[in-house]
Amino acid sequence: MRTNTTKEKLGQGEVVFGAIITRYAPDIVELCGAIGFDFVMIDCEHGPMNLDQVEHMVRAGESFGITPIARIPDHSESTILRYLDRGLQGIIVPHINTGEEAAAVARAARYSPEGYRGMGSGRAHDYGIGTNREESTKWVNSQLLVIPMVEDVEAIKNLDGILKVEGADVLHVAASDLGQSLGNPGPAEVRRVMSEVIPRIRSGGKFVGVGGNAPADTAGVAEFVKLGANFVTISAWGLLRLGAEDFLRNVKAAI
């Protein structure tokens, strides 16, 4: 049974970094692991991956020592179960706006006595080899990261209730949809709101994620970390674009 190294690092007070991968690309998962990212966010809210493809990307993560986490498309118990049975060590769940919604997701993701996730004996449990049901369910529960997304004004209004939910490990604040929910006031106002929410989450006893970061804005990401953010996501496509633009600019300047 595998250790969730990202959860372990969070528990040790470290900041963890993850690349968002929006298409079926096991090689990019492996590359991110080789570079030294802590986790990958396999984006199945916006991305087109099917469950078999997700499972192969999980295998890629396991082979290169990077934690496989997926952003799933909805809150339903059946969705949570089917994704976690692929062997994921975490789920990021969009548009969680109340404590009740966060609690339902946390329970659906974990086995009894912490929840009511349906029992399987597949790859999430090493196919039952060298372990038993009691041991493996306890271990899976302990290693899982359940990550509700705070990306709506309603979620901010209900933040105190969400913070009380046991089993919601990281609250992930996402800039893009939060901006929409605020009425698209512009990046500066969205950043101001995020800068208020991040310390509230940390003071409430939860780890806090930040998404929607611009790859070139390393100073902005660092500022969020100084405010308490310790789970940072960044677009793999954005990093590719940044590197490509930097290469072209530097070569043309040198010719």
Protein backbone atom coordinates (compact mmCIF):
# COMPACT_ATOMS: atom_id res chain seq x y z
CA MET A 1 0.00 0.00 0.00
CA ARG A 2 1.37 3.40 -1.03
CA THR A 3 2.02 6.41 1.19
CA ASN A 4 0.50 9.72 0.13
CA THR A 5 3.70 11.73 0.16
CA THR A 6 1.85 14.99 -0.53
CA LYS A 7 -0.32 14.53 2.55
CA GLU A 8 2.76 13.55 4.53
CA LYS A 9 4.58 16.73 3.47
CA LEU A 10 1.58 18.90 4.34
CA GLY A 11 1.53 17.32 7.80
CA GLN A 12 5.20 18.23 8.18
CA GLY A 13 4.49 21.88 7.42
CA GLU A 14 5.83 21.89 3.85
CA VAL A 15 4.35 23.67 0.84
CA VAL A 16 3.42 21.30 -1.99
CA PHE A 17 3.20 22.04 -5.70
CA GLY A 18 1.13 20.32 -8.36
CA ALA A 19 0.78 20.54 -12.13
CA ILE A 20 -2.69 20.60 -13.69
CA ILE A 21 -2.90 18.18 -16.63
CA THR A 22 -6.02 18.52 -18.73
CA ARG A 23 -5.55 15.77 -21.34
CA TYR A 24 -4.52 12.12 -21.39
CA ALA A 25 -0.75 12.38 -21.02
CA PRO A 26 0.95 9.79 -18.78
CA ASP A 27 4.34 11.00 -20.00
CA ILE A 28 3.65 14.50 -18.67
CA VAL A 29 2.71 12.97 -15.31
CA GLU A 30 6.04 11.13 -15.31
CA LEU A 31 7.94 14.26 -16.35
CA CYS A 32 6.38 16.27 -13.51
CA GLY A 33 7.43 13.56 -11.08
CA ALA A 34 10.97 13.53 -12.44
CA ILE A 35 11.19 17.34 -12.17
CA GLY A 36 10.13 17.24 -8.54
CA PHE A 37 6.50 18.32 -8.40
CA ASP A 38 4.68 16.83 -5.42
CA PHE A 39 1.40 15.97 -7.13
CA VAL A 40 -0.52 16.17 -10.36
CA MET A 41 -4.09 17.38 -10.70
CA ILE A 42 -5.64 15.20 -13.39
CA ASP A 43 -8.36 17.58 -14.52
CA CYS A 44 -11.52 15.61 -15.25
CA GLU A 45 -13.83 18.58 -14.71
CA HIS A 46 -12.60 20.32 -17.86
CA GLY A 47 -10.49 17.58 -19.43
CA PRO A 48 -11.76 14.72 -21.65
CA MET A 49 -10.13 11.72 -19.90
CA ASN A 50 -12.17 8.59 -19.35
CA LEU A 51 -11.72 6.35 -16.32
CA ASP A 52 -9.36 3.91 -18.04
CA GLN A 53 -7.14 6.82 -19.06
CA VAL A 54 -7.23 8.22 -15.52
CA GLU A 55 -6.08 4.84 -14.23
CA HIS A 56 -3.10 4.85 -16.61
CA MET A 57 -2.18 8.36 -15.46
CA VAL A 58 -2.38 7.16 -11.86
CA ARG A 59 0.05 4.35 -12.76
CA ALA A 60 2.39 6.91 -14.29
CA GLY A 61 2.28 8.91 -11.08
CA GLU A 62 3.01 5.86 -8.97
CA SER A 63 5.98 4.87 -11.13
CA PHE A 64 7.58 8.31 -10.74
CA GLY A 65 6.73 8.94 -7.10
CA ILE A 66 4.25 11.78 -7.61
CA THR A 67 0.87 11.82 -5.87
CA PRO A 68 -2.05 11.28 -8.29
CA ILE A 69 -5.00 13.55 -7.52
CA ALA A 70 -7.97 14.21 -9.80
CA ARG A 71 -10.38 17.08 -10.07
CA ILE A 72 -13.62 15.17 -10.56
CA PRO A 73 -16.58 16.49 -12.58
CA ASP A 74 -19.30 16.50 -9.91
CA HIS A 75 -20.22 15.73 -6.30
CA SER A 76 -22.12 12.47 -6.77
CA GLU A 77 -21.26 9.43 -4.66
CA SER A 78 -20.98 7.23 -7.74
CA THR A 79 -18.50 9.63 -9.36
CA ILE A 80 -16.39 9.81 -6.21
CA LEU A 81 -16.34 6.02 -5.89
CA ARG A 82 -15.47 5.26 -9.51
CA TYR A 83 -12.59 7.74 -9.58
CA LEU A 84 -11.11 6.67 -6.25
CA ASP A 85 -11.28 3.01 -7.24
CA ARG A 86 -8.72 3.84 -9.96
CA GLY A 87 -6.17 4.27 -7.17
CA LEU A 88 -6.19 8.05 -6.80
CA GLN A 89 -4.85 9.37 -3.52
CA GLY A 90 -6.95 12.51 -3.57
CA ILE A 91 -9.94 14.19 -5.15
CA ILE A 92 -10.51 17.87 -5.78
CA VAL A 93 -14.23 18.59 -5.86
CA PRO A 94 -15.54 21.73 -7.62
CA HIS A 95 -18.15 24.16 -6.32
CA ILE A 96 -18.53 23.05 -2.71
CA ASN A 97 -20.59 25.84 -1.18
CA THR A 98 -21.85 24.57 2.18
CA GLY A 99 -20.68 22.55 5.12
CA GLU A 100 -23.31 19.95 4.28
CA GLU A 101 -21.91 19.49 0.78
CA ALA A 102 -18.35 19.22 2.11
CA ALA A 103 -19.40 16.66 4.72
CA ALA A 104 -21.22 14.55 2.14
CA VAL A 105 -18.14 14.46 -0.09
CA ALA A 106 -15.83 13.58 2.81
CA ARG A 107 -18.09 10.69 3.87
CA ALA A 108 -18.54 9.39 0.33
CA ALA A 109 -14.75 9.28 -0.14
CA ARG A 110 -13.92 7.23 2.96
CA TYR A 111 -14.78 3.80 4.22
CA SER A 112 -16.59 3.02 7.47
CA PRO A 113 -16.38 4.15 10.22
CA GLU A 114 -15.39 7.53 8.73
CA GLY A 115 -17.75 7.27 5.80
CA TYR A 116 -19.72 4.97 3.54
CA ARG A 117 -17.60 4.53 0.42
CA GLY A 118 -18.51 1.32 -1.39
CA MET A 119 -16.05 -1.49 -0.79
CA GLY A 120 -13.93 -2.76 -3.67
CA SER A 121 -10.91 -5.04 -3.78
CA GLY A 122 -9.14 -3.69 -6.86
CA ARG A 123 -5.99 -1.66 -7.38
CA ALA A 124 -6.80 0.85 -4.62
CA HIS A 125 -6.28 -2.09 -2.21
CA ASP A 126 -3.40 -3.80 -4.02
CA TYR A 127 -5.98 -6.34 -5.19
CA GLY A 128 -6.11 -7.71 -1.64
CA ILE A 129 -2.58 -9.11 -1.89
CA GLY A 130 -0.63 -8.99 1.36
CA THR A 131 -3.39 -7.17 3.22
CA ASN A 132 -6.93 -7.67 4.46
CA ARG A 133 -10.04 -5.54 4.27
CA GLU A 134 -9.68 -4.02 7.74
CA GLU A 135 -6.06 -3.05 7.20
CA SER A 136 -6.45 -1.73 3.68
CA THR A 137 -9.58 0.35 4.31
CA LYS A 138 -7.97 1.94 7.37
CA TRP A 139 -4.83 2.70 5.36
CA VAL A 140 -6.70 4.13 2.37
CA ASN A 141 -8.74 6.38 4.67
CA SER A 142 -5.60 7.66 6.36
CA GLN A 143 -3.81 8.44 3.08
CA LEU A 144 -6.67 10.13 1.22
CA LEU A 145 -6.84 13.87 0.56
CA VAL A 146 -10.35 15.27 0.16
CA ILE A 147 -10.14 18.76 -1.30
CA PRO A 148 -13.31 20.85 -1.64
CA MET A 149 -12.99 23.88 -3.91
CA VAL A 150 -13.93 27.29 -2.55
CA GLU A 151 -14.72 29.13 -5.79
CA ASP A 152 -18.06 30.86 -5.23
CA VAL A 153 -19.28 33.77 -3.15
CA GLU A 154 -21.69 31.38 -1.45
CA ALA A 155 -18.78 29.23 -0.28
CA ILE A 156 -17.07 32.25 1.26
CA LYS A 157 -20.30 33.18 3.06
CA ASN A 158 -20.51 29.63 4.40
CA LEU A 159 -16.80 29.23 5.08
CA ASP A 160 -17.14 28.79 8.83
CA GLY A 161 -19.42 25.81 8.30
CA ILE A 162 -17.11 24.25 5.72
CA LEU A 163 -14.13 24.68 8.06
CA LYS A 164 -15.89 22.56 10.70
CA VAL A 165 -16.11 19.50 8.44
CA GLU A 166 -13.90 16.66 9.59
CA GLY A 167 -12.36 14.88 6.63
CA ALA A 168 -12.17 17.93 4.39
CA ASP A 169 -8.39 18.14 4.35
CA VAL A 170 -7.56 21.05 2.03
CA LEU A 171 -9.82 23.92 0.98
CA HIS A 172 -8.74 24.97 -2.50
CA VAL A 173 -9.43 28.60 -3.44
CA ALA A 174 -9.66 29.03 -7.21
CA ALA A 175 -9.31 32.42 -8.82
CA SER A 176 -11.10 32.00 -12.15
CA ASP A 177 -14.54 30.82 -11.06
CA LEU A 178 -14.35 32.95 -7.93
CA GLY A 179 -13.88 35.96 -10.19
CA GLN A 180 -16.99 34.99 -12.15
CA SER A 181 -18.97 34.57 -8.95
CA LEU A 182 -17.82 38.02 -7.82
CA GLY A 183 -19.08 39.51 -11.10
CA ASN A 184 -15.72 39.63 -12.91
CA PRO A 185 -14.35 42.65 -11.03
CA GLY A 186 -10.80 42.20 -12.30
CA PRO A 187 -7.71 40.34 -11.04
CA ALA A 188 -6.81 42.83 -8.32
CA GLU A 189 -10.17 42.49 -6.54
CA VAL A 190 -10.16 38.69 -6.86
CA ARG A 191 -6.68 38.64 -5.39
CA ARG A 192 -7.81 40.88 -2.52
CA VAL A 193 -10.64 38.48 -1.68
CA MET A 194 -8.33 35.47 -1.88
CA SER A 195 -5.86 37.26 0.38
CA GLU A 196 -8.58 37.53 3.02
CA VAL A 197 -9.85 33.97 2.63
CA ILE A 198 -6.48 32.20 2.75
CA PRO A 199 -5.61 33.23 6.35
CA ARG A 200 -9.18 32.44 7.46
CA ILE A 201 -8.82 28.90 6.23
CA ARG A 202 -5.45 28.37 7.86
CA SER A 203 -6.62 29.86 11.15
CA GLY A 204 -9.60 27.50 10.91
CA GLY A 205 -7.26 24.52 11.05
CA LYS A 206 -7.29 23.46 7.40
CA PHE A 207 -4.63 23.33 4.73
CA VAL A 208 -5.34 25.83 1.97
CA GLY A 209 -4.81 25.57 -1.76
CA VAL A 210 -4.57 28.29 -4.39
CA GLY A 211 -5.43 27.79 -8.05
CA GLY A 212 -5.69 29.93 -11.14
CA ASN A 213 -2.09 31.05 -10.76
CA ALA A 214 -0.24 32.60 -13.70
CA PRO A 215 2.97 30.64 -14.41
CA ALA A 216 5.00 33.84 -14.76
CA ASP A 217 3.67 35.32 -11.51
CA THR A 218 6.01 33.57 -9.13
CA ALA A 219 6.03 36.59 -6.82
CA GLY A 220 2.23 36.46 -6.60
CA VAL A 221 2.29 32.75 -5.76
CA ALA A 222 4.96 33.38 -3.13
CA GLU A 223 2.78 36.07 -1.58
CA PHE A 224 -0.12 33.63 -1.27
CA VAL A 225 2.24 31.15 0.39
CA LYS A 226 3.32 33.82 2.87
CA LEU A 227 -0.36 34.34 3.70
CA GLY A 228 -0.71 30.66 4.52
CA ALA A 229 -1.32 28.79 1.25
CA ASN A 230 0.49 25.47 1.20
CA PHE A 231 -1.11 23.54 -1.71
CA VAL A 232 -0.32 25.26 -5.01
CA THR A 233 -1.56 24.26 -8.47
CA ILE A 234 -0.23 25.49 -11.78
CA SER A 235 -1.19 24.68 -15.37
CA ALA A 236 1.18 22.33 -17.19
CA TRP A 237 0.07 23.96 -20.45
CA GLY A 238 0.86 27.36 -18.95
CA LEU A 239 4.34 26.21 -18.00
CA LEU A 240 4.87 24.87 -21.52
CA ARG A 241 3.75 28.16 -23.01
CA LEU A 242 6.02 30.12 -20.65
CA GLY A 243 9.03 28.00 -21.54
CA ALA A 244 8.29 28.15 -25.27
CA GLU A 245 7.86 31.92 -25.26
CA ASP A 246 11.02 32.35 -23.21
CA PHE A 247 12.98 30.18 -25.65
CA LEU A 248 11.81 32.08 -28.73
CA ARG A 249 12.42 35.45 -27.14
CA ASN A 250 15.93 34.57 -25.98
CA VAL A 251 16.96 32.96 -29.27
CA LYS A 252 15.69 35.86 -31.34
CA ALA A 253 17.47 38.31 -29.05
CA ALA A 254 20.73 36.38 -29.50
CA ILE A 255 20.60 36.17 -33.30
